[in-house]
Amino acid sequence: AKSIYGKTKFKIEVISKKYNIINLRVGLLFGGKTSTLDNLKNISKFSIKIPTAGFSRGIEILNTFDVKKIKNVSRIFNEDYFIKDGKSPWISNSLALFFILLNEEAYHHRYSKNDKTNAVNSKDWDVPYWYVDAGAAMMNCILLIEEKELSSGFMGLHNIDRKKIHEEFKIPETYQIIGMITAGVEDTNTDVSKNKNTKKKLIHNEFFS
């Protein structure tokens, strides 16, 4: 795919698949754990190849394949509470975790340059475009994991002690952790309680309807 920002380095062919961002139910089809991990090694490398506002490059990804760290993260995310509620241990059983990181200062630094004097100051943006960029990296990561025929899930940090994640991975306090993506585990206890009879109109043609 091409854009005015340049080329992406991979081809995504899974857009038309029906998926749920919270729980991409794609089976674990690879034979061994080693070969599966090898397939995940370049996920961050390609997920981060996104256009960022002003080429600020303020979005970064931290990944871990370390079993001990993954277990520690599951405890920080209070996974035991969800297990007691009948949910699967989809964090602790993950093959890898990917954290989307925001360096907001990188945007302000970029928009302080001479070539941006006529642009709206990044501190005055009505829409903080760093979150748009973070979302693009998140979706790249999720789609690339699915392309490897693995399952994935996204989880925010709003209900946990963020400081513990910063300490676990030595992430600077100046960085904001947007969220975490799991890879390789299918949740067999998906919540299907949504009312399937209620459909909300999400696509509008020509005018808002």
Protein backbone atom coordinates (compact mmCIF):
# COMPACT_ATOMS: atom_id res chain seq x y z
CA ALA A 1 0.00 0.00 0.00
CA LYS A 2 1.21 3.52 -0.81
CA SER A 3 0.47 6.91 0.72
CA ILE A 4 1.87 10.42 0.54
CA TYR A 5 3.97 9.46 3.53
CA GLY A 6 5.74 6.60 1.75
CA LYS A 7 5.36 2.86 1.39
CA THR A 8 4.43 0.21 3.89
CA LYS A 9 6.81 -2.74 3.94
CA PHE A 10 4.23 -5.48 4.11
CA LYS A 11 0.97 -6.49 2.49
CA ILE A 12 -2.15 -6.85 4.60
CA GLU A 13 -4.76 -9.22 3.20
CA VAL A 14 -6.93 -9.65 6.25
CA ILE A 15 -8.93 -6.41 6.25
CA SER A 16 -12.06 -8.11 4.94
CA LYS A 17 -12.09 -10.70 7.74
CA LYS A 18 -14.64 -10.26 10.48
CA TYR A 19 -12.81 -9.77 13.77
CA ASN A 20 -13.21 -8.32 17.23
CA ILE A 21 -10.37 -6.05 18.38
CA ILE A 22 -10.72 -7.23 21.96
CA ASN A 23 -10.51 -10.89 21.03
CA LEU A 24 -9.29 -11.93 17.60
CA ARG A 25 -10.29 -15.57 17.57
CA VAL A 26 -7.79 -17.09 15.18
CA GLY A 27 -6.51 -20.52 16.13
CA LEU A 28 -2.90 -21.26 17.06
CA LEU A 29 -1.92 -23.26 13.98
CA PHE A 30 1.85 -23.42 14.21
CA GLY A 31 3.36 -26.70 15.35
CA GLY A 32 5.96 -25.66 17.95
CA LYS A 33 6.51 -22.77 20.31
CA THR A 34 9.97 -21.97 18.90
CA SER A 35 8.74 -21.62 15.32
CA THR A 36 5.80 -19.55 16.56
CA LEU A 37 8.06 -17.14 18.44
CA ASP A 38 10.24 -16.79 15.36
CA ASN A 39 7.14 -15.67 13.47
CA LEU A 40 6.57 -12.93 16.05
CA LYS A 41 10.09 -11.50 16.12
CA ASN A 42 9.49 -8.92 13.39
CA ILE A 43 5.99 -7.84 14.43
CA SER A 44 7.21 -4.67 16.17
CA LYS A 45 9.57 -3.83 13.33
CA PHE A 46 6.73 -3.69 10.82
CA SER A 47 3.99 -2.44 13.17
CA ILE A 48 5.93 0.77 13.76
CA LYS A 49 6.16 1.57 10.02
CA ILE A 50 3.34 4.10 10.14
CA PRO A 51 2.93 7.70 8.98
CA THR A 52 3.16 9.99 12.02
CA ALA A 53 2.10 13.64 12.16
CA GLY A 54 4.92 15.72 10.76
CA PHE A 55 7.12 12.62 10.78
CA SER A 56 7.44 13.18 14.52
CA ARG A 57 8.18 9.50 15.18
CA GLY A 58 6.76 9.72 18.66
CA ILE A 59 5.24 6.23 18.70
CA GLU A 60 7.38 3.32 19.86
CA ILE A 61 6.76 -0.36 20.64
CA LEU A 62 8.20 -2.43 23.46
CA ASN A 63 7.88 -6.20 23.11
CA THR A 64 8.67 -9.05 25.45
CA PHE A 65 8.92 -12.79 24.87
CA ASP A 66 10.22 -13.51 28.36
CA VAL A 67 7.93 -15.95 30.20
CA LYS A 68 8.75 -14.54 33.63
CA LYS A 69 8.00 -10.97 32.56
CA ILE A 70 4.75 -12.06 30.93
CA LYS A 71 3.71 -13.75 34.19
CA ASN A 72 4.60 -10.59 36.12
CA VAL A 73 2.48 -8.51 33.75
CA SER A 74 -0.46 -10.88 34.22
CA ARG A 75 -0.27 -10.31 37.97
CA ILE A 76 -0.10 -6.54 37.51
CA PHE A 77 -3.20 -6.76 35.31
CA ASN A 78 -4.97 -8.75 38.07
CA GLU A 79 -5.51 -11.74 35.79
CA ASP A 80 -6.40 -14.00 38.75
CA TYR A 81 -9.52 -11.93 39.29
CA PHE A 82 -10.70 -12.67 35.74
CA ILE A 83 -9.79 -16.37 36.02
CA LYS A 84 -11.96 -16.65 39.14
CA ASP A 85 -14.75 -15.10 37.07
CA GLY A 86 -14.43 -17.92 34.53
CA LYS A 87 -12.23 -16.15 31.99
CA SER A 88 -9.17 -17.71 30.35
CA PRO A 89 -5.61 -16.73 31.43
CA TRP A 90 -5.00 -15.05 28.08
CA ILE A 91 -2.24 -12.74 29.36
CA SER A 92 -0.08 -15.24 31.25
CA ASN A 93 -0.42 -17.82 28.46
CA SER A 94 0.60 -15.36 25.74
CA LEU A 95 3.67 -16.05 23.64
CA ALA A 96 4.49 -12.34 23.45
CA LEU A 97 3.29 -8.96 24.66
CA PHE A 98 3.54 -5.69 22.74
CA PHE A 99 3.22 -2.30 24.45
CA ILE A 100 2.35 0.78 22.38
CA LEU A 101 4.34 3.71 23.79
CA LEU A 102 3.80 7.44 23.26
CA ASN A 103 6.56 10.02 23.46
CA GLU A 104 4.42 13.15 23.28
CA GLU A 105 7.44 15.43 23.58
CA ALA A 106 8.70 14.15 20.21
CA TYR A 107 5.66 15.78 18.58
CA HIS A 108 6.18 19.10 20.34
CA HIS A 109 9.87 19.04 19.43
CA ARG A 110 9.09 18.36 15.77
CA TYR A 111 6.49 21.15 15.57
CA SER A 112 8.92 23.65 17.08
CA LYS A 113 11.13 23.39 13.97
CA ASN A 114 11.39 26.20 11.44
CA ASP A 115 9.55 24.32 8.69
CA LYS A 116 6.50 24.07 10.98
CA THR A 117 6.21 27.77 11.84
CA ASN A 118 3.03 28.11 9.75
CA ALA A 119 1.49 24.91 11.13
CA VAL A 120 -0.86 24.78 14.09
CA ASN A 121 1.23 24.30 17.22
CA SER A 122 1.02 20.71 18.44
CA LYS A 123 -0.01 21.96 21.88
CA ASP A 124 -3.05 23.62 20.27
CA TRP A 125 -4.30 20.64 18.25
CA ASP A 126 -8.04 20.12 18.67
CA VAL A 127 -7.37 16.42 17.99
CA PRO A 128 -4.15 15.04 19.55
CA TYR A 129 -2.81 13.28 16.47
CA TRP A 130 -0.38 11.20 18.54
CA TYR A 131 -3.35 9.07 19.55
CA VAL A 132 -4.28 8.63 15.89
CA ASP A 133 -0.73 7.46 15.21
CA ALA A 134 -0.79 5.14 18.23
CA GLY A 135 -4.01 3.60 16.94
CA ALA A 136 -2.43 3.00 13.55
CA ALA A 137 0.49 1.18 15.19
CA MET A 138 -1.93 -0.84 17.32
CA MET A 139 -3.94 -1.97 14.32
CA ASN A 140 -0.79 -2.81 12.37
CA CYS A 141 0.33 -4.99 15.27
CA ILE A 142 -3.01 -6.75 15.63
CA LEU A 143 -3.38 -7.39 11.89
CA LEU A 144 0.17 -8.65 11.55
CA ILE A 145 -0.36 -11.09 14.43
CA GLU A 146 -3.54 -12.30 12.76
CA GLU A 147 -1.68 -12.61 9.47
CA LYS A 148 0.61 -15.07 11.29
CA GLU A 149 -2.56 -17.04 12.06
CA LEU A 150 -2.31 -16.30 15.77
CA SER A 151 -4.90 -14.77 18.08
CA SER A 152 -4.44 -11.40 19.76
CA GLY A 153 -6.13 -9.03 22.15
CA PHE A 154 -5.81 -5.41 23.25
CA MET A 155 -5.99 -4.18 26.82
CA GLY A 156 -5.71 -0.68 28.25
CA LEU A 157 -4.06 0.23 31.54
CA HIS A 158 -6.86 2.31 33.05
CA ASN A 159 -7.64 -0.20 35.82
CA ILE A 160 -4.09 -1.04 36.91
CA ASP A 161 -1.07 0.61 38.51
CA ARG A 162 0.75 1.99 35.46
CA LYS A 163 3.87 2.66 37.49
CA LYS A 164 4.44 -1.08 37.94
CA ILE A 165 4.60 -1.61 34.16
CA HIS A 166 7.02 1.30 33.84
CA GLU A 167 9.20 -0.27 36.52
CA GLU A 168 9.00 -3.80 35.08
CA PHE A 169 10.30 -2.68 31.68
CA LYS A 170 12.27 0.42 32.75
CA ILE A 171 10.06 2.68 30.64
CA PRO A 172 10.78 6.40 31.22
CA GLU A 173 8.05 8.28 33.08
CA THR A 174 7.95 10.79 30.21
CA TYR A 175 6.44 8.05 28.03
CA GLN A 176 2.76 7.14 28.15
CA ILE A 177 1.78 3.49 27.71
CA ILE A 178 -1.23 3.51 25.39
CA GLY A 179 -2.02 -0.16 25.84
CA MET A 180 -0.90 -3.76 25.56
CA ILE A 181 -1.41 -6.33 22.80
CA THR A 182 -1.23 -10.05 23.49
CA ALA A 183 -0.22 -12.63 20.92
CA GLY A 184 -0.77 -16.34 20.49
CA VAL A 185 -3.58 -17.22 22.88
CA GLU A 186 -7.21 -17.79 22.02
CA ASP A 187 -9.75 -16.97 24.70
CA THR A 188 -12.18 -19.89 24.79
CA ASN A 189 -14.54 -18.02 27.10
CA THR A 190 -15.53 -15.13 24.86
CA ASP A 191 -18.34 -12.98 26.17
CA VAL A 192 -21.23 -13.32 23.72
CA SER A 193 -23.78 -11.50 25.83
CA LYS A 194 -24.19 -8.64 23.37
CA ASN A 195 -27.66 -8.19 21.96
CA LYS A 196 -27.28 -9.32 18.38
CA ASN A 197 -30.69 -7.91 17.48
CA THR A 198 -29.53 -4.33 18.08
CA LYS A 199 -27.61 -2.94 15.14
CA LYS A 200 -26.13 0.53 15.21
CA LYS A 201 -25.65 2.41 11.96
CA LEU A 202 -21.93 3.06 11.57
CA ILE A 203 -21.59 3.84 7.86
CA HIS A 204 -23.01 7.09 6.43
CA ASN A 205 -23.23 7.69 2.68
CA GLU A 206 -23.11 11.22 1.31
CA PHE A 207 -24.51 12.77 4.52
CA PHE A 208 -24.92 11.83 8.16
CA SER A 209 -27.97 9.65 8.55
